[in-house]
Amino acid sequence: MIESSFVSRKPTFDMLRYYELSPSIIEDHTLIVNCTPVGMWPDVDKCPDFPYAFLTDKHLLYDVIANPAETLFMKKGILRGATVKGGGDMLRLQAQAAWEIWNKPD
């Protein structure tokens, strides 16, 4: 099981705010997933208000955004040595699964 924490601009319950992310929290969470629309076309010059300076080559950043293929979130991760993955594959896999569901023979 992967331990997880949720971060939000408007947190509820046990979520964190971006400004609460310390170096130790980032060090303990090496998989970082952006599930927001921040940075999606046409706002490609935006990214989550995340402390990118704490990232290392041990981190994997996944952005569910498919357009652009490389978001500012991902670019900032690359600059810190992190491995990054965009949402293009997820979009294609969802389309394939939907096609199979809607076109399977009765």
Foldseek 3Di string as FASTA:
>chain_A
DADDAAEDCDDDDRHHHQVPDDLVNCVNHQEAEAPDCFCAPPNQVGDPPHPLVSAALSHEYEYLHPPPQAGPVNVSNVVRNHHYGYNNVVVVVVVVVVCCVVPPDD
